Amino acid sequence: MTEATRWARWRRHGPERLTPALAVVLACFFLVPSGKGLNNSYYALVLAPALLMVRFRDWSWLAGQRLGMAVVALLGYLTVSGWWSVGVSAGEWWHEAKALPYLLVYLATLACVVARRPDSWERALRFVMLAAAAGTLISIALFYQGQPWSARLRYHGPVYNPNEAAMMLGVCLLVVVFHVLPAARQRVMWVGVALILFGGVVLTGSRMPLAAVLASAGLGGVLLGRWRLLAGVTAATLAVVTLLLVSGHGVERLLQRGDSYRLAVWQSVAERIAQRPWSGEGALTDDSVQVPARAPRRGMYLVEHPHNIYLSTTLYGGVPALALLMCVLLFAAQTAWGLAAGGRPAWLLALTFSALCMMTDGARLLNSPQGIWFYFWLPVGVLLGYRLRPAIGGASDAAPGAWPASVDRSE
């Protein structure tokens, strides 16, 4: 056997062979202690091997779908927009542009796994959900050793920001409740996992993720006609509100936080957008905002980013970038709606949850592995894979050419 034959045989099955490695990397979002550890895990386990395993026909296969084309156009445009950021050198642009292949390889690998190895993907997904629950328990145990229960939970992991952590947990919670739990044999265990994830969202004190996950779960109950589930969501909402009212200090802390300067930040960002509405300021612009500080602070208060994905994307790339982002959401929602119509609303709910949360938090769509890779790009990549399943003849782990039971022929 020649070296060329060995190489062709090794690459024959494409990046879907990386399913276990992808599952480990997704679990690392909750279990490794630092962002550097997450980056290194991704580079070693997925990026490096995928660069050798993703074939030209894989890229053309992905780009042949509207969702894939919209994703590539959005990320490519944001990368190019760095050219007209003020004060950015060619070296600085090149350093940041590396995020484009990093993210595209992640999405390509994810889509190929979901489309071509649906059974393995289901096992990997359950592994990641268990890792999210384990990471939540570990973070709670470590954080509240020295903090009162009224403090906002900060994760002991690469994504320590409470808002980002809450958005990642919200996606996991919706997937567990609406995708894993209905088909699970160990229902008691998965109910426990769902409760842990919901507890994590509550303890972060992040208001929009909590409201969005309850609203999305309520929507899921309506879509499935499960009125008991809808009643449970309503009861959970009332319980959270009641606990805040009873605790007293919880309401006081919420009032003190107010809008967390968001309204002032959004107004400032909107004024900057109005000055360059069509080209934007470029993806490498300084997106920090200074707003008048409130008592007891004095002077100006620095906010690191716009806390709104839609505004920040428009700030970087102007109206064209925002239009491309809306196309990504629209095309992903079309696939998600088809799944929901077949009784599987989990990814529609996850996408809805992310779209809502991005109204009050987040900044950059294009970066190295961070929280947004999980709470936004994960649903988009999964839906791209679902969209592409019929295009490959329904190949599964079980039998070549056979349509697996987990795939709806109507997709």
Protein backbone atom coordinates (compact mmCIF):
# COMPACT_ATOMS: atom_id res chain seq x y z
CA MET A 1 0.00 0.00 0.00
CA THR A 2 1.48 3.33 -1.05
CA GLU A 3 1.64 6.40 1.16
CA ALA A 4 -0.89 8.13 -1.10
CA THR A 5 -3.31 5.24 -0.62
CA ARG A 6 -2.89 5.33 3.15
CA TRP A 7 -3.44 9.10 3.15
CA ALA A 8 -6.57 8.82 1.02
CA ARG A 9 -7.96 6.05 3.22
CA TRP A 10 -7.29 8.06 6.37
CA ARG A 11 -9.09 11.11 4.98
CA ARG A 12 -11.93 9.17 3.39
CA HIS A 13 -14.46 9.69 6.17
CA GLY A 14 -13.70 13.37 6.66
CA PRO A 15 -13.92 15.47 9.84
CA GLU A 16 -16.85 13.50 11.24
CA ARG A 17 -14.26 11.09 12.57
CA LEU A 18 -13.48 13.79 15.14
CA THR A 19 -16.77 13.29 17.03
CA PRO A 20 -15.13 12.20 20.33
CA ALA A 21 -12.59 15.03 20.14
CA LEU A 22 -15.34 17.58 19.46
CA ALA A 23 -17.33 16.26 22.44
CA VAL A 24 -14.29 16.68 24.70
CA VAL A 25 -13.72 20.25 23.51
CA LEU A 26 -17.38 21.18 24.12
CA ALA A 27 -17.12 19.65 27.60
CA CYS A 28 -14.00 21.76 28.21
CA PHE A 29 -16.18 24.88 28.07
CA PHE A 30 -17.32 23.81 31.55
CA LEU A 31 -14.48 21.73 32.97
CA VAL A 32 -11.06 23.20 32.15
CA PRO A 33 -9.81 25.93 34.52
CA SER A 34 -8.85 28.64 32.02
CA GLY A 35 -9.44 30.11 28.60
CA LYS A 36 -5.92 29.10 27.59
CA GLY A 37 -6.70 25.50 28.46
CA LEU A 38 -9.85 25.66 26.32
CA ASN A 39 -7.92 27.15 23.39
CA ASN A 40 -5.16 24.54 23.62
CA SER A 41 -7.72 21.74 23.82
CA TYR A 42 -9.47 22.98 20.70
CA TYR A 43 -6.26 23.50 18.73
CA ALA A 44 -4.87 20.06 19.60
CA LEU A 45 -8.04 17.96 19.43
CA VAL A 46 -10.06 19.58 16.61
CA LEU A 47 -8.34 22.37 14.69
CA ALA A 48 -5.04 20.67 13.83
CA PRO A 49 -6.51 17.31 12.76
CA ALA A 50 -9.49 18.91 11.01
CA LEU A 51 -7.21 21.04 8.84
CA LEU A 52 -5.93 17.75 7.44
CA MET A 53 -9.28 15.97 7.29
CA VAL A 54 -11.67 18.59 5.89
CA ARG A 55 -11.70 18.07 2.14
CA PHE A 56 -12.55 20.46 -0.66
CA ARG A 57 -15.83 18.66 -1.28
CA ASP A 58 -16.69 19.13 2.40
CA TRP A 59 -16.27 22.90 2.07
CA SER A 60 -18.26 23.01 -1.19
CA TRP A 61 -20.94 20.83 0.43
CA LEU A 62 -21.22 23.25 3.35
CA ALA A 63 -21.12 26.39 1.21
CA GLY A 64 -23.79 24.97 -1.09
CA GLN A 65 -26.51 25.71 1.50
CA ARG A 66 -27.97 29.15 2.17
CA LEU A 67 -27.15 28.96 5.85
CA GLY A 68 -23.57 27.96 5.13
CA MET A 69 -23.16 30.74 2.57
CA ALA A 70 -24.59 33.31 4.99
CA VAL A 71 -22.22 32.20 7.76
CA VAL A 72 -19.17 32.36 5.48
CA ALA A 73 -20.24 35.76 4.11
CA LEU A 74 -20.80 37.21 7.59
CA LEU A 75 -17.54 35.97 9.08
CA GLY A 76 -15.57 36.84 5.94
CA TYR A 77 -16.98 40.35 5.83
CA LEU A 78 -16.23 40.96 9.51
CA THR A 79 -12.67 39.77 8.95
CA VAL A 80 -12.18 42.09 5.98
CA SER A 81 -13.69 45.00 7.91
CA GLY A 82 -10.64 44.97 10.17
CA TRP A 83 -8.76 46.61 7.29
CA TRP A 84 -10.50 49.93 7.86
CA SER A 85 -10.28 49.97 11.64
CA VAL A 86 -8.41 53.12 12.70
CA GLY A 87 -4.82 52.61 13.81
CA VAL A 88 -4.62 48.90 12.99
CA SER A 89 -1.44 47.60 11.37
CA ALA A 90 -1.22 44.74 8.88
CA GLY A 91 0.38 42.56 11.55
CA GLU A 92 -2.41 43.25 14.02
CA TRP A 93 -5.04 42.50 11.40
CA TRP A 94 -3.34 39.25 10.42
CA HIS A 95 -3.16 38.16 14.06
CA GLU A 96 -6.89 38.71 14.52
CA ALA A 97 -7.79 37.25 11.11
CA LYS A 98 -6.70 33.83 12.33
CA ALA A 99 -10.02 33.62 14.15
CA LEU A 100 -11.76 33.11 10.78
CA PRO A 101 -10.31 29.66 9.99
CA TYR A 102 -10.56 28.69 13.66
CA LEU A 103 -14.31 29.33 13.74
CA LEU A 104 -15.02 27.99 10.25
CA VAL A 105 -13.24 24.71 11.03
CA TYR A 106 -15.27 24.41 14.24
CA LEU A 107 -18.54 24.94 12.37
CA ALA A 108 -17.54 22.63 9.51
CA THR A 109 -16.54 19.85 11.90
CA LEU A 110 -19.70 20.29 13.93
CA ALA A 111 -21.95 20.25 10.85
CA CYS A 112 -20.22 17.17 9.40
CA VAL A 113 -20.56 15.31 12.71
CA VAL A 114 -24.25 16.17 13.09
CA ALA A 115 -25.06 15.35 9.46
CA ARG A 116 -22.99 12.22 8.92
CA ARG A 117 -22.76 10.65 12.38
CA PRO A 118 -26.15 11.36 13.99
CA ASP A 119 -25.99 8.44 16.42
CA SER A 120 -22.50 9.33 17.62
CA TRP A 121 -23.57 12.97 17.87
CA GLU A 122 -26.44 12.05 20.17
CA ARG A 123 -24.03 10.26 22.51
CA ALA A 124 -21.61 13.16 22.38
CA LEU A 125 -24.39 15.63 23.13
CA ARG A 126 -25.40 13.72 26.25
CA PHE A 127 -21.79 13.65 27.38
CA VAL A 128 -21.56 17.44 27.00
CA MET A 129 -24.79 17.99 28.93
CA LEU A 130 -23.47 15.86 31.81
CA ALA A 131 -20.22 17.85 31.72
CA ALA A 132 -22.22 21.09 31.97
CA ALA A 133 -24.03 19.79 35.05
CA ALA A 134 -20.77 18.59 36.61
CA GLY A 135 -19.10 21.93 35.92
CA THR A 136 -22.03 23.72 37.54
CA LEU A 137 -21.81 21.63 40.71
CA ILE A 138 -18.03 22.11 40.92
CA SER A 139 -18.36 25.87 40.43
CA ILE A 140 -21.09 26.16 43.07
CA ALA A 141 -19.04 24.16 45.58
CA LEU A 142 -15.88 26.21 45.02
CA PHE A 143 -17.45 29.65 44.70
CA TYR A 144 -19.79 29.60 47.68
CA GLN A 145 -17.14 28.39 50.08
CA GLY A 146 -16.15 32.01 50.57
CA GLN A 147 -19.17 33.90 49.23
CA PRO A 148 -22.74 34.41 50.50
CA TRP A 149 -25.53 32.75 48.55
CA SER A 150 -26.70 36.19 47.41
CA ALA A 151 -23.48 36.64 45.40
CA ARG A 152 -23.58 36.06 41.64
CA LEU A 153 -22.05 32.71 40.73
CA ARG A 154 -18.76 32.98 38.82
CA TYR A 155 -17.76 29.80 37.09
CA HIS A 156 -14.53 28.04 37.90
CA GLY A 157 -13.65 27.59 34.27
CA PRO A 158 -12.77 29.31 31.00
CA VAL A 159 -16.08 31.22 30.90
CA TYR A 160 -16.29 32.85 34.32
CA ASN A 161 -18.48 35.82 33.40
CA PRO A 162 -21.92 35.21 34.96
CA ASN A 163 -23.85 36.41 31.91
CA GLU A 164 -21.93 34.24 29.43
CA ALA A 165 -22.11 31.25 31.75
CA ALA A 166 -25.87 31.70 32.13
CA MET A 167 -26.31 31.78 28.35
CA MET A 168 -24.33 28.57 27.92
CA LEU A 169 -26.34 26.89 30.68
CA GLY A 170 -29.60 28.10 29.15
CA VAL A 171 -28.80 26.38 25.85
CA CYS A 172 -27.90 23.18 27.74
CA LEU A 173 -31.09 23.33 29.80
CA LEU A 174 -33.33 23.66 26.74
CA VAL A 175 -31.52 20.82 24.96
CA VAL A 176 -31.85 18.55 28.00
CA VAL A 177 -35.55 19.29 28.57
CA PHE A 178 -36.71 19.22 24.95
CA HIS A 179 -34.23 16.88 23.24
CA VAL A 180 -32.54 14.51 25.68
CA LEU A 181 -35.22 13.98 28.32
CA PRO A 182 -38.11 12.89 26.04
CA ALA A 183 -36.09 9.96 24.67
CA ALA A 184 -34.09 9.12 27.81
CA ARG A 185 -34.40 5.89 29.73
CA GLN A 186 -32.89 7.32 32.93
CA ARG A 187 -35.44 10.10 33.21
CA VAL A 188 -34.83 10.70 36.91
CA MET A 189 -31.15 11.37 36.24
CA TRP A 190 -31.88 13.80 33.42
CA VAL A 191 -34.49 15.63 35.47
CA GLY A 192 -31.75 16.09 38.06
CA VAL A 193 -29.41 17.41 35.37
CA ALA A 194 -32.08 19.89 34.25
CA LEU A 195 -32.58 21.11 37.82
CA ILE A 196 -28.83 21.60 38.29
CA LEU A 197 -28.60 23.61 35.07
CA PHE A 198 -31.60 25.73 36.00
CA GLY A 199 -30.11 26.33 39.44
CA GLY A 200 -26.90 27.49 37.78
CA VAL A 201 -28.79 30.02 35.66
CA VAL A 202 -30.58 31.35 38.75
CA LEU A 203 -27.40 31.62 40.82
CA THR A 204 -25.60 33.65 38.15
CA GLY A 205 -28.14 36.41 38.78
CA SER A 206 -28.27 37.12 35.05
CA ARG A 207 -31.69 38.53 34.37
CA MET A 208 -32.00 38.28 30.60
CA PRO A 209 -30.81 34.64 30.35
CA LEU A 210 -33.22 33.65 33.11
CA ALA A 211 -36.14 35.44 31.47
CA ALA A 212 -35.16 34.10 28.04
CA VAL A 213 -34.88 30.48 29.18
CA LEU A 214 -38.27 30.64 30.88
CA ALA A 215 -39.84 32.28 27.82
CA SER A 216 -38.23 29.74 25.46
CA ALA A 217 -39.33 26.82 27.64
CA GLY A 218 -42.85 28.23 27.69
CA LEU A 219 -42.77 28.47 23.90
CA GLY A 220 -41.67 24.84 23.77
CA GLY A 221 -44.60 23.84 25.93
CA VAL A 222 -46.98 25.63 23.56
CA LEU A 223 -45.41 24.11 20.42
CA LEU A 224 -45.66 20.60 21.83
CA GLY A 225 -49.05 21.15 23.47
CA ARG A 226 -47.61 20.10 26.82
CA TRP A 227 -49.64 22.17 29.19
CA ARG A 228 -48.13 20.49 32.24
CA LEU A 229 -44.72 21.66 31.10
CA LEU A 230 -46.09 25.15 30.54
CA ALA A 231 -47.57 25.08 34.01
CA GLY A 232 -44.21 23.99 35.40
CA VAL A 233 -42.46 26.89 33.66
CA THR A 234 -45.03 29.30 35.06
CA ALA A 235 -44.54 27.84 38.54
CA ALA A 236 -40.74 28.18 38.22
CA THR A 237 -41.14 31.81 37.17
CA LEU A 238 -43.39 32.55 40.13
CA ALA A 239 -41.00 30.74 42.47
CA VAL A 240 -38.03 32.84 41.34
CA VAL A 241 -39.97 36.08 41.69
CA THR A 242 -41.25 35.02 45.12
CA LEU A 243 -37.76 34.18 46.36
CA LEU A 244 -36.52 37.58 45.27
CA LEU A 245 -39.36 39.32 47.03
CA VAL A 246 -39.01 37.28 50.21
CA SER A 247 -35.24 37.64 50.40
CA GLY A 248 -35.48 41.42 50.21
CA HIS A 249 -31.79 41.92 49.62
CA GLY A 250 -32.19 40.18 46.25
CA VAL A 251 -34.62 42.84 45.07
CA GLU A 252 -32.38 45.54 46.50
CA ARG A 253 -29.38 44.22 44.59
CA LEU A 254 -31.40 44.10 41.37
CA LEU A 255 -32.50 47.69 41.84
CA GLN A 256 -28.94 48.77 42.55
CA ARG A 257 -27.76 47.12 39.33
CA GLY A 258 -30.54 48.82 37.37
CA ASP A 259 -29.84 48.52 33.66
CA SER A 260 -26.09 48.14 34.32
CA TYR A 261 -25.42 51.22 32.17
CA ARG A 262 -26.78 49.42 29.12
CA LEU A 263 -29.15 52.15 27.95
CA ALA A 264 -26.39 54.77 28.08
CA VAL A 265 -23.98 52.40 26.33
CA TRP A 266 -26.46 51.58 23.57
CA GLN A 267 -27.16 55.28 22.99
CA SER A 268 -23.45 56.00 22.68
CA VAL A 269 -22.90 53.07 20.29
CA ALA A 270 -25.92 54.11 18.18
CA GLU A 271 -24.40 57.59 17.80
CA ARG A 272 -21.13 56.06 16.57
CA ILE A 273 -23.04 53.83 14.13
CA ALA A 274 -24.91 56.86 12.74
CA GLN A 275 -21.57 58.40 11.74
CA ARG A 276 -20.56 55.38 9.61
CA PRO A 277 -23.74 53.39 8.99
CA TRP A 278 -22.65 51.55 5.82
CA SER A 279 -19.05 50.57 6.45
CA GLY A 280 -18.90 50.60 10.24
CA GLU A 281 -15.68 51.22 12.17
CA GLY A 282 -14.15 47.83 11.41
CA ALA A 283 -14.00 44.66 13.49
CA LEU A 284 -10.80 45.74 15.24
CA THR A 285 -12.10 49.06 16.46
CA ASP A 286 -12.00 49.95 20.14
CA ASP A 287 -15.58 49.12 21.13
CA SER A 288 -15.30 50.22 24.75
CA VAL A 289 -17.67 52.97 25.84
CA GLN A 290 -17.38 55.62 28.54
CA VAL A 291 -20.57 56.75 30.22
CA PRO A 292 -21.23 59.06 33.20
CA ALA A 293 -20.83 57.09 36.43
CA ARG A 294 -23.64 56.86 38.92
CA ALA A 295 -23.37 57.52 42.63
CA PRO A 296 -21.34 56.68 44.65
CA ARG A 297 -18.87 56.66 41.73
CA ARG A 298 -17.71 59.89 40.14
CA GLY A 299 -16.48 60.84 36.70
CA MET A 300 -16.76 58.43 33.78
CA TYR A 301 -17.36 54.69 33.88
CA LEU A 302 -15.68 52.44 31.29
CA VAL A 303 -17.78 49.65 29.76
CA GLU A 304 -15.69 47.17 27.80
CA HIS A 305 -18.11 46.43 24.95
CA PRO A 306 -21.62 47.33 23.71
CA HIS A 307 -23.44 44.45 25.48
CA ASN A 308 -25.56 43.87 22.40
CA ILE A 309 -24.52 41.61 19.52
CA TYR A 310 -26.75 43.36 17.00
CA LEU A 311 -25.42 46.84 17.81
CA SER A 312 -21.81 45.69 18.04
CA THR A 313 -22.01 43.87 14.70
CA THR A 314 -23.40 47.02 13.10
CA LEU A 315 -20.68 49.08 14.78
CA TYR A 316 -17.98 46.85 13.27
CA GLY A 317 -19.40 46.25 9.77
CA GLY A 318 -22.29 48.67 9.32
CA VAL A 319 -25.71 47.77 7.96
CA PRO A 320 -24.33 45.05 5.63
CA ALA A 321 -22.93 43.12 8.61
CA LEU A 322 -26.22 43.39 10.48
CA ALA A 323 -28.11 42.20 7.38
CA LEU A 324 -25.83 39.16 7.09
CA LEU A 325 -26.33 38.33 10.76
CA MET A 326 -30.10 38.51 10.30
CA CYS A 327 -29.78 36.18 7.27
CA VAL A 328 -27.89 33.66 9.41
CA LEU A 329 -30.63 33.81 12.05
CA LEU A 330 -33.40 33.58 9.44
CA PHE A 331 -31.94 30.58 7.59
CA ALA A 332 -31.12 28.80 10.85
CA ALA A 333 -34.64 29.49 12.11
CA GLN A 334 -36.15 27.99 8.94
CA THR A 335 -34.34 24.69 9.56
CA ALA A 336 -35.15 24.83 13.27
CA TRP A 337 -38.83 25.42 12.51
CA GLY A 338 -38.88 22.33 10.29
CA LEU A 339 -37.52 20.28 13.19
CA ALA A 340 -40.05 21.83 15.58
CA ALA A 341 -42.88 20.97 13.19
CA GLY A 342 -41.72 17.35 13.43
CA GLY A 343 -41.94 17.40 17.22
CA ARG A 344 -38.33 18.36 17.93
CA PRO A 345 -38.28 22.02 19.01
CA ALA A 346 -35.05 21.96 21.08
CA TRP A 347 -32.82 23.75 18.59
CA LEU A 348 -35.48 26.29 17.66
CA LEU A 349 -35.79 27.11 21.36
CA ALA A 350 -32.01 27.25 21.78
CA LEU A 351 -31.74 29.63 18.81
CA THR A 352 -34.60 31.77 20.15
CA PHE A 353 -32.94 31.87 23.56
CA SER A 354 -29.61 32.97 22.05
CA ALA A 355 -31.24 35.61 19.86
CA LEU A 356 -32.96 37.10 22.90
CA CYS A 357 -29.87 37.04 25.10
CA MET A 358 -27.76 38.71 22.43
CA MET A 359 -29.96 41.77 22.79
CA THR A 360 -28.42 42.55 26.19
CA ASP A 361 -24.99 40.95 26.12
CA GLY A 362 -22.10 39.84 23.96
CA ALA A 363 -19.95 41.71 21.47
CA ARG A 364 -17.85 39.87 18.91
CA LEU A 365 -19.13 37.07 16.72
CA LEU A 366 -15.64 36.28 15.44
CA ASN A 367 -12.98 35.25 17.96
CA SER A 368 -11.06 32.31 19.38
CA PRO A 369 -12.98 29.75 21.50
CA GLN A 370 -15.20 31.70 23.89
CA GLY A 371 -18.70 31.50 25.33
CA ILE A 372 -20.35 32.62 22.09
CA TRP A 373 -18.98 29.50 20.39
CA PHE A 374 -21.31 27.56 22.64
CA TYR A 375 -24.43 29.68 23.12
CA PHE A 376 -24.72 30.94 19.53
CA TRP A 377 -22.46 29.11 17.09
CA LEU A 378 -23.26 25.69 18.54
CA PRO A 379 -26.99 25.93 17.64
CA VAL A 380 -26.11 27.42 14.24
CA GLY A 381 -23.61 24.63 13.49
CA VAL A 382 -26.01 21.93 14.64
CA LEU A 383 -28.79 23.34 12.48
CA LEU A 384 -26.42 23.51 9.51
CA GLY A 385 -25.75 19.82 10.05
CA TYR A 386 -29.47 19.03 10.25
CA ARG A 387 -30.04 21.01 7.08
CA LEU A 388 -27.41 18.97 5.27
CA ARG A 389 -28.51 15.50 6.35
CA PRO A 390 -30.78 14.86 3.35
CA ALA A 391 -28.04 16.03 0.97
CA ILE A 392 -25.85 13.03 1.83
CA GLY A 393 -28.48 10.36 1.47
CA GLY A 394 -29.07 9.97 5.19
CA ALA A 395 -25.77 8.26 6.01
CA SER A 396 -25.58 7.10 9.63
CA ASP A 397 -23.31 5.19 11.96
CA ALA A 398 -25.41 2.07 11.65
CA ALA A 399 -25.55 1.19 7.96
CA PRO A 400 -24.27 2.97 4.84
CA GLY A 401 -27.12 4.57 2.97
CA ALA A 402 -29.70 3.79 5.66
CA TRP A 403 -31.81 6.58 7.09
CA PRO A 404 -31.36 6.57 10.90
CA ALA A 405 -34.37 6.58 13.16
CA SER A 406 -33.30 9.90 14.66
CA VAL A 407 -33.62 11.71 11.32
CA ASP A 408 -36.91 13.01 9.99
CA ARG A 409 -37.21 12.37 6.24
CA SER A 410 -39.24 15.56 5.88
CA GLU A 411 -36.27 17.74 6.78
